[in-house]
Amino acid sequence: SYLEQAKALIEGGIDLFIIETCQDVLQIKAALQSVNEAIGSGKRIPLMVSVTMETTGQMLIGSDISSITTILEPFNIDILGLNCATGPEEMKEHIKYLSENSPFAISCIPNAGLPENIGGIAHYKLTPLELKMQLMNFIYDFNVQLIGGCCGTTPEHIKYLSSIVNPD
């Protein structure tokens, strides 16, 4: 199914492949293989992989950030980063590791904090300003080059994040 999707995306004229919210390195490798097969020897389409690290410090299947980086290093990836599951505070050590060890550009697309179940509804407490400040630190301290927001972020969160690069 990855191959079928990749071919359809190429046919649709995509500018970037994003393989995201990955929780298993084998899943990532299968997707990468399909993307490379779909692209063939034709044009180059940038490729981003974004993994999800749980509060345990690992992916759901138990891989840590150093294993992920090592396994993905031979692949033709442009951006490697994290998204979903946690907020920026819980991602900090993983992002720091990537800044010191990854050969790829780094992305960070956290939730607006850790989700809290209140009455059966997920609530995210990180304000737009708090998210902006934490991701600004990631840009300056860890050379993160792509930022964004995942679960719990609102248009207001994204507005604050966009003000980092476009202060007007």
C-alpha atoms as a PDB file:
ATOM      1  CA  SER A   1       0.000   0.000   0.000  1.00  0.00           C
ATOM      2  CA  TYR A   2       2.949   2.366   0.547  1.00  0.00           C
ATOM      3  CA  LEU A   3       3.985   1.958  -3.083  1.00  0.00           C
ATOM      4  CA  GLU A   4       0.477   2.648  -4.354  1.00  0.00           C
ATOM      5  CA  GLN A   5       0.226   5.760  -2.184  1.00  0.00           C
ATOM      6  CA  ALA A   6       3.677   7.027  -3.176  1.00  0.00           C
ATOM      7  CA  LYS A   7       2.889   6.666  -6.884  1.00  0.00           C
ATOM      8  CA  ALA A   8      -0.411   8.535  -6.460  1.00  0.00           C
ATOM      9  CA  LEU A   9       1.303  11.329  -4.533  1.00  0.00           C
ATOM     10  CA  ILE A  10       3.964  11.713  -7.218  1.00  0.00           C
ATOM     11  CA  GLU A  11       1.266  11.763  -9.887  1.00  0.00           C
ATOM     12  CA  GLY A  12      -0.495  14.466  -7.874  1.00  0.00           C
ATOM     13  CA  GLY A  13       2.605  16.649  -7.961  1.00  0.00           C
ATOM     14  CA  ILE A  14       3.830  16.592  -4.372  1.00  0.00           C
ATOM     15  CA  ASP A  15       6.795  18.719  -3.293  1.00  0.00           C
ATOM     16  CA  LEU A  16       7.803  16.654  -0.261  1.00  0.00           C
ATOM     17  CA  PHE A  17       7.258  13.156   1.087  1.00  0.00           C
ATOM     18  CA  ILE A  18       6.503  13.129   4.812  1.00  0.00           C
ATOM     19  CA  ILE A  19       6.597   9.758   6.506  1.00  0.00           C
ATOM     20  CA  GLU A  20       5.370  10.726   9.949  1.00  0.00           C
ATOM     21  CA  THR A  21       4.139   9.545  13.317  1.00  0.00           C
ATOM     22  CA  CYS A  22       6.298   6.454  12.868  1.00  0.00           C
ATOM     23  CA  GLN A  23       6.390   4.012  15.756  1.00  0.00           C
ATOM     24  CA  ASP A  24       8.336   1.151  14.180  1.00  0.00           C
ATOM     25  CA  VAL A  25      11.638   1.228  12.285  1.00  0.00           C
ATOM     26  CA  LEU A  26      10.476  -1.598  10.008  1.00  0.00           C
ATOM     27  CA  GLN A  27       7.446   0.512   9.086  1.00  0.00           C
ATOM     28  CA  ILE A  28       9.786   3.376   8.178  1.00  0.00           C
ATOM     29  CA  LYS A  29      12.028   1.129   6.081  1.00  0.00           C
ATOM     30  CA  ALA A  30       9.031  -0.307   4.199  1.00  0.00           C
ATOM     31  CA  ALA A  31       7.745   3.196   3.459  1.00  0.00           C
ATOM     32  CA  LEU A  32      11.203   4.400   2.353  1.00  0.00           C
ATOM     33  CA  GLN A  33      11.646   1.405   0.058  1.00  0.00           C
ATOM     34  CA  SER A  34       8.277   2.097  -1.554  1.00  0.00           C
ATOM     35  CA  VAL A  35       8.973   5.810  -1.956  1.00  0.00           C
ATOM     36  CA  ASN A  36      12.345   5.102  -3.573  1.00  0.00           C
ATOM     37  CA  GLU A  37      10.748   2.549  -5.904  1.00  0.00           C
ATOM     38  CA  ALA A  38       7.966   4.978  -6.844  1.00  0.00           C
ATOM     39  CA  ILE A  39      10.413   7.787  -7.571  1.00  0.00           C
ATOM     40  CA  GLY A  40      12.731   5.509  -9.513  1.00  0.00           C
ATOM     41  CA  SER A  41      15.601   7.238 -11.251  1.00  0.00           C
ATOM     42  CA  GLY A  42      13.423  10.199 -12.100  1.00  0.00           C
ATOM     43  CA  LYS A  43      13.303  13.542 -10.377  1.00  0.00           C
ATOM     44  CA  ARG A  44      14.423  14.079  -6.807  1.00  0.00           C
ATOM     45  CA  ILE A  45      11.636  14.634  -4.250  1.00  0.00           C
ATOM     46  CA  PRO A  46      12.733  15.709  -0.748  1.00  0.00           C
ATOM     47  CA  LEU A  47      11.972  13.184   1.989  1.00  0.00           C
ATOM     48  CA  MET A  48      11.164  13.747   5.656  1.00  0.00           C
ATOM     49  CA  VAL A  49      10.814  11.085   8.344  1.00  0.00           C
ATOM     50  CA  SER A  50       9.252  11.955  11.679  1.00  0.00           C
ATOM     51  CA  VAL A  51       9.224   9.448  14.515  1.00  0.00           C
ATOM     52  CA  THR A  52       7.121   9.325  17.639  1.00  0.00           C
ATOM     53  CA  MET A  53       8.899   8.824  20.941  1.00  0.00           C
ATOM     54  CA  GLU A  54       6.796   7.922  23.957  1.00  0.00           C
ATOM     55  CA  THR A  55       7.290   9.220  27.512  1.00  0.00           C
ATOM     56  CA  THR A  56       9.296   6.030  28.098  1.00  0.00           C
ATOM     57  CA  GLY A  57      12.030   7.495  25.882  1.00  0.00           C
ATOM     58  CA  GLN A  58      11.451   4.927  23.139  1.00  0.00           C
ATOM     59  CA  MET A  59       9.185   4.211  20.204  1.00  0.00           C
ATOM     60  CA  LEU A  60       6.270   1.879  20.941  1.00  0.00           C
ATOM     61  CA  ILE A  61       8.322  -1.102  19.749  1.00  0.00           C
ATOM     62  CA  GLY A  62      11.270  -0.173  21.977  1.00  0.00           C
ATOM     63  CA  SER A  63      13.755   1.546  19.632  1.00  0.00           C
ATOM     64  CA  ASP A  64      15.598   4.547  21.036  1.00  0.00           C
ATOM     65  CA  ILE A  65      16.691   7.651  19.115  1.00  0.00           C
ATOM     66  CA  SER A  66      20.267   6.440  18.641  1.00  0.00           C
ATOM     67  CA  SER A  67      19.061   3.188  17.040  1.00  0.00           C
ATOM     68  CA  ILE A  68      16.703   5.071  14.761  1.00  0.00           C
ATOM     69  CA  THR A  69      19.432   7.467  13.650  1.00  0.00           C
ATOM     70  CA  THR A  70      21.876   4.637  12.981  1.00  0.00           C
ATOM     71  CA  ILE A  71      19.350   2.530  11.064  1.00  0.00           C
ATOM     72  CA  LEU A  72      18.178   5.462   8.896  1.00  0.00           C
ATOM     73  CA  GLU A  73      21.601   6.984   8.187  1.00  0.00           C
ATOM     74  CA  PRO A  74      22.161   5.046   4.918  1.00  0.00           C
ATOM     75  CA  PHE A  75      18.822   6.193   3.487  1.00  0.00           C
ATOM     76  CA  ASN A  76      18.344   9.181   1.217  1.00  0.00           C
ATOM     77  CA  ILE A  77      16.478  11.254   3.823  1.00  0.00           C
ATOM     78  CA  ASP A  78      16.588  15.050   3.934  1.00  0.00           C
ATOM     79  CA  ILE A  79      14.927  15.671   7.301  1.00  0.00           C
ATOM     80  CA  LEU A  80      14.662  13.499  10.416  1.00  0.00           C
ATOM     81  CA  GLY A  81      12.727  14.568  13.461  1.00  0.00           C
ATOM     82  CA  LEU A  82       9.986  13.960  15.953  1.00  0.00           C
ATOM     83  CA  ASN A  83       6.265  14.565  16.040  1.00  0.00           C
ATOM     84  CA  CYS A  84       3.239  13.711  18.167  1.00  0.00           C
ATOM     85  CA  ALA A  85       2.814  11.758  21.455  1.00  0.00           C
ATOM     86  CA  THR A  86       4.488  14.359  23.677  1.00  0.00           C
ATOM     87  CA  GLY A  87       5.274  18.022  24.018  1.00  0.00           C
ATOM     88  CA  PRO A  88       8.601  19.742  23.415  1.00  0.00           C
ATOM     89  CA  GLU A  89       9.839  19.221  26.974  1.00  0.00           C
ATOM     90  CA  GLU A  90       9.661  15.441  26.584  1.00  0.00           C
ATOM     91  CA  MET A  91      11.321  15.682  23.150  1.00  0.00           C
ATOM     92  CA  LYS A  92      14.254  17.778  24.315  1.00  0.00           C
ATOM     93  CA  GLU A  93      16.785  14.990  24.959  1.00  0.00           C
ATOM     94  CA  HIS A  94      15.918  13.274  21.657  1.00  0.00           C
ATOM     95  CA  ILE A  95      16.273  16.540  19.727  1.00  0.00           C
ATOM     96  CA  LYS A  96      19.571  17.206  21.488  1.00  0.00           C
ATOM     97  CA  TYR A  97      20.787  13.756  20.443  1.00  0.00           C
ATOM     98  CA  LEU A  98      19.798  14.412  16.827  1.00  0.00           C
ATOM     99  CA  SER A  99      21.591  17.775  16.875  1.00  0.00           C
ATOM    100  CA  GLU A 100      24.790  16.057  17.977  1.00  0.00           C
ATOM    101  CA  ASN A 101      24.555  12.880  15.863  1.00  0.00           C
ATOM    102  CA  SER A 102      22.179  13.091  12.917  1.00  0.00           C
ATOM    103  CA  PRO A 103      23.481  13.715   9.389  1.00  0.00           C
ATOM    104  CA  PHE A 104      20.029  15.041   8.440  1.00  0.00           C
ATOM    105  CA  ALA A 105      18.272  18.357   8.927  1.00  0.00           C
ATOM    106  CA  ILE A 106      16.172  18.201  12.116  1.00  0.00           C
ATOM    107  CA  SER A 107      12.446  18.764  12.578  1.00  0.00           C
ATOM    108  CA  CYS A 108      10.385  19.087  15.726  1.00  0.00           C
ATOM    109  CA  ILE A 109       6.580  19.028  15.563  1.00  0.00           C
ATOM    110  CA  PRO A 110       5.367  18.426  19.128  1.00  0.00           C
ATOM    111  CA  ASN A 111       1.949  18.322  20.674  1.00  0.00           C
ATOM    112  CA  ALA A 112       0.900  21.315  22.732  1.00  0.00           C
ATOM    113  CA  GLY A 113       2.217  19.452  25.773  1.00  0.00           C
ATOM    114  CA  LEU A 114       1.359  16.037  27.118  1.00  0.00           C
ATOM    115  CA  PRO A 115      -2.300  15.217  26.598  1.00  0.00           C
ATOM    116  CA  GLU A 116      -4.373  14.966  29.757  1.00  0.00           C
ATOM    117  CA  ASN A 117      -7.641  13.023  29.775  1.00  0.00           C
ATOM    118  CA  ILE A 118     -10.281  15.243  31.362  1.00  0.00           C
ATOM    119  CA  GLY A 119     -13.785  13.819  31.181  1.00  0.00           C
ATOM    120  CA  GLY A 120     -12.849  11.614  28.240  1.00  0.00           C
ATOM    121  CA  ILE A 121     -11.444  14.523  26.208  1.00  0.00           C
ATOM    122  CA  ALA A 122      -7.758  15.175  25.536  1.00  0.00           C
ATOM    123  CA  HIS A 123      -6.602  18.553  26.841  1.00  0.00           C
ATOM    124  CA  TYR A 124      -3.288  20.189  26.022  1.00  0.00           C
ATOM    125  CA  LYS A 125      -2.028  22.880  28.386  1.00  0.00           C
ATOM    126  CA  LEU A 126       0.890  24.427  26.481  1.00  0.00           C
ATOM    127  CA  THR A 127      -0.058  27.940  25.390  1.00  0.00           C
ATOM    128  CA  PRO A 128       0.953  29.333  22.009  1.00  0.00           C
ATOM    129  CA  LEU A 129       3.607  31.526  23.636  1.00  0.00           C
ATOM    130  CA  GLU A 130       5.018  28.619  25.665  1.00  0.00           C
ATOM    131  CA  LEU A 131       5.254  26.427  22.564  1.00  0.00           C
ATOM    132  CA  LYS A 132       6.942  29.244  20.660  1.00  0.00           C
ATOM    133  CA  MET A 133       9.518  29.831  23.394  1.00  0.00           C
ATOM    134  CA  GLN A 134      10.421  26.148  23.687  1.00  0.00           C
ATOM    135  CA  LEU A 135      10.778  25.693  19.927  1.00  0.00           C
ATOM    136  CA  MET A 136      12.805  28.903  19.638  1.00  0.00           C
ATOM    137  CA  ASN A 137      15.234  27.344  22.100  1.00  0.00           C
ATOM    138  CA  PHE A 138      15.371  24.199  19.951  1.00  0.00           C
ATOM    139  CA  ILE A 139      16.191  26.327  16.887  1.00  0.00           C
ATOM    140  CA  TYR A 140      18.993  28.204  18.634  1.00  0.00           C
ATOM    141  CA  ASP A 141      20.340  25.466  20.931  1.00  0.00           C
ATOM    142  CA  PHE A 142      19.893  22.366  18.754  1.00  0.00           C
ATOM    143  CA  ASN A 143      19.846  23.680  15.175  1.00  0.00           C
ATOM    144  CA  VAL A 144      16.267  22.512  14.529  1.00  0.00           C
ATOM    145  CA  GLN A 145      15.400  23.669  11.033  1.00  0.00           C
ATOM    146  CA  LEU A 146      11.728  22.771  10.717  1.00  0.00           C
ATOM    147  CA  ILE A 147       9.115  23.374  13.402  1.00  0.00           C
ATOM    148  CA  GLY A 148       5.388  22.932  13.645  1.00  0.00           C
ATOM    149  CA  GLY A 149       2.604  21.699  15.856  1.00  0.00           C
ATOM    150  CA  CYS A 150       0.817  18.382  16.163  1.00  0.00           C
ATOM    151  CA  CYS A 151      -2.036  17.351  18.465  1.00  0.00           C
ATOM    152  CA  GLY A 152      -3.550  20.081  20.577  1.00  0.00           C
ATOM    153  CA  THR A 153      -2.077  22.930  18.569  1.00  0.00           C
ATOM    154  CA  THR A 154      -4.431  25.527  17.220  1.00  0.00           C
ATOM    155  CA  PRO A 155      -4.175  28.183  14.508  1.00  0.00           C
ATOM    156  CA  GLU A 156      -3.033  30.508  17.294  1.00  0.00           C
ATOM    157  CA  HIS A 157      -0.134  28.177  18.137  1.00  0.00           C
ATOM    158  CA  ILE A 158       0.924  28.127  14.477  1.00  0.00           C
ATOM    159  CA  LYS A 159       0.610  31.913  14.259  1.00  0.00           C
ATOM    160  CA  TYR A 160       3.046  32.234  17.173  1.00  0.00           C
ATOM    161  CA  LEU A 161       5.435  29.725  15.610  1.00  0.00           C
ATOM    162  CA  SER A 162       5.369  31.500  12.247  1.00  0.00           C
ATOM    163  CA  SER A 163       6.284  34.752  14.007  1.00  0.00           C
ATOM    164  CA  ILE A 164       9.699  33.241  14.770  1.00  0.00           C
ATOM    165  CA  VAL A 165      10.705  33.461  11.119  1.00  0.00           C
ATOM    166  CA  ASN A 166       8.318  36.203  10.080  1.00  0.00           C
ATOM    167  CA  PRO A 167       8.212  38.671  12.996  1.00  0.00           C
ATOM    168  CA  ASP A 168       5.865  41.165  11.272  1.00  0.00           C
END
